[in-house]
C-alpha atoms as a PDB file:
ATOM      1  CA  UNK A   1      82.459  78.420 133.072  1.00  0.00           C
ATOM      2  CA  UNK A   2      82.432  78.565 129.271  1.00  0.00           C
ATOM      3  CA  UNK A   3      80.090  75.566 129.109  1.00  0.00           C
ATOM      4  CA  UNK A   4      77.667  77.286 131.493  1.00  0.00           C
ATOM      5  CA  UNK A   5      77.649  80.440 129.361  1.00  0.00           C
ATOM      6  CA  UNK A   6      77.136  78.433 126.159  1.00  0.00           C
ATOM      7  CA  UNK A   7      74.358  76.460 127.824  1.00  0.00           C
ATOM      8  CA  UNK A   8      72.645  79.662 128.921  1.00  0.00           C
ATOM      9  CA  UNK A   9      72.780  81.026 125.382  1.00  0.00           C
ATOM     10  CA  UNK A  10      71.577  77.809 123.734  1.00  0.00           C
ATOM     11  CA  UNK A  11      68.968  77.066 126.379  1.00  0.00           C
ATOM     12  CA  UNK A  12      70.129  73.480 126.904  1.00  0.00           C
ATOM     13  CA  UNK A  13      73.047  71.840 128.709  1.00  0.00           C
ATOM     14  CA  UNK A  14      76.182  71.986 126.578  1.00  0.00           C
ATOM     15  CA  UNK A  15      79.558  70.338 126.960  1.00  0.00           C
ATOM     16  CA  UNK A  16      82.606  71.969 125.440  1.00  0.00           C
ATOM     17  CA  UNK A  17      86.210  70.930 125.134  1.00  0.00           C
ATOM     18  CA  UNK A  18      88.898  73.561 124.770  1.00  0.00           C
ATOM     19  CA  UNK A  19      92.393  72.690 123.596  1.00  0.00           C
ATOM     20  CA  UNK A  20      95.499  74.658 122.724  1.00  0.00           C
ATOM     21  CA  UNK A  21      96.636  72.197 120.035  1.00  0.00           C
ATOM     22  CA  UNK A  22      94.144  70.670 117.632  1.00  0.00           C
ATOM     23  CA  UNK A  23      96.724  68.795 115.616  1.00  0.00           C
ATOM     24  CA  UNK A  24      97.666  69.242 111.993  1.00  0.00           C
ATOM     25  CA  UNK A  25      94.678  70.601 110.114  1.00  0.00           C
ATOM     26  CA  UNK A  26      94.045  71.981 106.618  1.00  0.00           C
ATOM     27  CA  UNK A  27      94.059  75.496 108.069  1.00  0.00           C
ATOM     28  CA  UNK A  28      97.526  74.990 109.543  1.00  0.00           C
ATOM     29  CA  UNK A  29      98.821  73.523 106.273  1.00  0.00           C
ATOM     30  CA  UNK A  30      97.404  76.432 104.223  1.00  0.00           C
ATOM     31  CA  UNK A  31      99.047  78.881 106.616  1.00  0.00           C
ATOM     32  CA  UNK A  32     102.395  77.150 106.195  1.00  0.00           C
ATOM     33  CA  UNK A  33     102.013  77.161 102.389  1.00  0.00           C
ATOM     34  CA  UNK A  34     101.150  80.876 102.443  1.00  0.00           C
ATOM     35  CA  UNK A  35     104.182  81.769 104.557  1.00  0.00           C
ATOM     36  CA  UNK A  36     106.470  79.653 102.352  1.00  0.00           C
ATOM     37  CA  UNK A  37     105.085  81.224  99.154  1.00  0.00           C
ATOM     38  CA  UNK A  38     105.538  84.715 100.573  1.00  0.00           C
ATOM     39  CA  UNK A  39     109.122  83.983 101.569  1.00  0.00           C
ATOM     40  CA  UNK A  40     109.866  82.498  98.130  1.00  0.00           C
ATOM     41  CA  UNK A  41     108.419  85.535  96.341  1.00  0.00           C
ATOM     42  CA  UNK A  42     110.358  87.896  98.584  1.00  0.00           C
ATOM     43  CA  UNK A  43     113.630  86.092  98.040  1.00  0.00           C
ATOM     44  CA  UNK A  44     112.964  85.383  94.355  1.00  0.00           C
ATOM     45  CA  UNK A  45     112.902  88.984  93.155  1.00  0.00           C
ATOM     46  CA  UNK A  46     109.306  89.974  93.660  1.00  0.00           C
ATOM     47  CA  UNK A  47     110.645  92.519  96.112  1.00  0.00           C
ATOM     48  CA  UNK A  48     111.793  94.840  93.319  1.00  0.00           C
ATOM     49  CA  UNK A  49     108.436  94.601  91.554  1.00  0.00           C
ATOM     50  CA  UNK A  50     106.680  95.266  94.836  1.00  0.00           C
ATOM     51  CA  UNK A  51     108.852  98.337  95.454  1.00  0.00           C
ATOM     52  CA  UNK A  52     108.096  99.641  91.946  1.00  0.00           C
ATOM     53  CA  UNK A  53     104.381  99.135  92.537  1.00  0.00           C
ATOM     54  CA  UNK A  54     104.648 100.906  95.893  1.00  0.00           C
ATOM     55  CA  UNK A  55     106.382 103.857  94.232  1.00  0.00           C
ATOM     56  CA  UNK A  56     103.639 103.980  91.593  1.00  0.00           C
ATOM     57  CA  UNK A  57     101.032 104.157  94.374  1.00  0.00           C
ATOM     58  CA  UNK A  58     102.828 106.972  96.208  1.00  0.00           C
ATOM     59  CA  UNK A  59     100.395 109.672  94.982  1.00  0.00           C
ATOM     60  CA  UNK A  60      97.597 107.693  96.636  1.00  0.00           C
ATOM     61  CA  UNK A  61      99.484 107.846  99.920  1.00  0.00           C
ATOM     62  CA  UNK A  62      98.606 111.530 100.079  1.00  0.00           C
ATOM     63  CA  UNK A  63      94.963 110.540 100.556  1.00  0.00           C
ATOM     64  CA  UNK A  64      95.309 109.339 104.122  1.00  0.00           C
ATOM     65  CA  UNK A  65      93.039 110.165 107.076  1.00  0.00           C
ATOM     66  CA  UNK A  66      95.968 111.819 108.852  1.00  0.00           C
ATOM     67  CA  UNK A  67      96.625 114.080 105.879  1.00  0.00           C
ATOM     68  CA  UNK A  68      92.901 114.925 105.610  1.00  0.00           C
ATOM     69  CA  UNK A  69      92.802 115.817 109.307  1.00  0.00           C
ATOM     70  CA  UNK A  70      95.916 117.984 109.027  1.00  0.00           C
ATOM     71  CA  UNK A  71      94.491 119.752 105.955  1.00  0.00           C
ATOM     72  CA  UNK A  72      91.181 120.388 107.729  1.00  0.00           C
ATOM     73  CA  UNK A  73      93.041 121.762 110.739  1.00  0.00           C
ATOM     74  CA  UNK A  74      95.125 124.060 108.516  1.00  0.00           C
ATOM     75  CA  UNK A  75      91.933 125.276 106.799  1.00  0.00           C
ATOM     76  CA  UNK A  76      90.319 125.935 110.179  1.00  0.00           C
ATOM     77  CA  UNK A  77      93.373 127.951 111.279  1.00  0.00           C
ATOM     78  CA  UNK A  78      93.289 129.967 108.038  1.00  0.00           C
ATOM     79  CA  UNK A  79      89.568 130.740 108.432  1.00  0.00           C
ATOM     80  CA  UNK A  80      90.101 131.707 112.087  1.00  0.00           C
ATOM     81  CA  UNK A  81      92.976 133.985 111.121  1.00  0.00           C
ATOM     82  CA  UNK A  82      90.912 135.700 108.420  1.00  0.00           C
ATOM     83  CA  UNK A  83      87.924 136.052 110.721  1.00  0.00           C
ATOM     84  CA  UNK A  84      90.106 137.518 113.458  1.00  0.00           C
ATOM     85  CA  UNK A  85      91.657 139.969 111.002  1.00  0.00           C
ATOM     86  CA  UNK A  86      88.170 141.021 109.848  1.00  0.00           C
ATOM     87  CA  UNK A  87      86.380 141.225 113.190  1.00  0.00           C
ATOM     88  CA  UNK A  88      89.156 142.478 115.462  1.00  0.00           C
ATOM     89  CA  UNK A  89      90.401 145.526 113.680  1.00  0.00           C
ATOM     90  CA  UNK A  90      91.193 147.527 116.816  1.00  0.00           C
ATOM     91  CA  UNK A  91      88.588 150.214 116.062  1.00  0.00           C
ATOM     92  CA  UNK A  92      85.741 150.751 118.526  1.00  0.00           C
ATOM     93  CA  UNK A  93      83.534 151.922 115.644  1.00  0.00           C
ATOM     94  CA  UNK A  94      83.936 148.547 113.918  1.00  0.00           C
ATOM     95  CA  UNK A  95      83.210 146.645 117.148  1.00  0.00           C
ATOM     96  CA  UNK A  96      79.994 148.606 117.731  1.00  0.00           C
ATOM     97  CA  UNK A  97      78.931 148.061 114.114  1.00  0.00           C
ATOM     98  CA  UNK A  98      79.456 144.306 114.443  1.00  0.00           C
ATOM     99  CA  UNK A  99      77.464 144.225 117.691  1.00  0.00           C
ATOM    100  CA  UNK A 100      74.583 146.239 116.243  1.00  0.00           C
ATOM    101  CA  UNK A 101      74.461 144.172 113.041  1.00  0.00           C
ATOM    102  CA  UNK A 102      74.445 140.982 115.114  1.00  0.00           C
ATOM    103  CA  UNK A 103      71.593 142.252 117.300  1.00  0.00           C
ATOM    104  CA  UNK A 104      69.641 143.372 114.215  1.00  0.00           C
ATOM    105  CA  UNK A 105      70.157 139.996 112.617  1.00  0.00           C
ATOM    106  CA  UNK A 106      68.839 138.208 115.697  1.00  0.00           C
ATOM    107  CA  UNK A 107      65.655 140.323 115.751  1.00  0.00           C
ATOM    108  CA  UNK A 108      64.860 139.743 112.080  1.00  0.00           C
END
């Protein structure tokens, strides 16, 4: 099925061989070296330096998308509250004035 799809894309018959284990390769060896180096640094005391660096970056943690969304939502709620306080005063005179000014603005 995969060979047929690849052949259709390439425009010529293609044979493919899929395998779960490709043997020991440079990629596998580099992955093992990376994991071993990370474990050695973690055990060897780099953890404290990493924690100090993380604490130094804490002010940057305030600049997250979640925090920006929450701030925008709080600003929207504050604007809505102020607009409601301004436009819905409970006086019929104010409501009529707002309606007439809106209609006048649409005609201009």
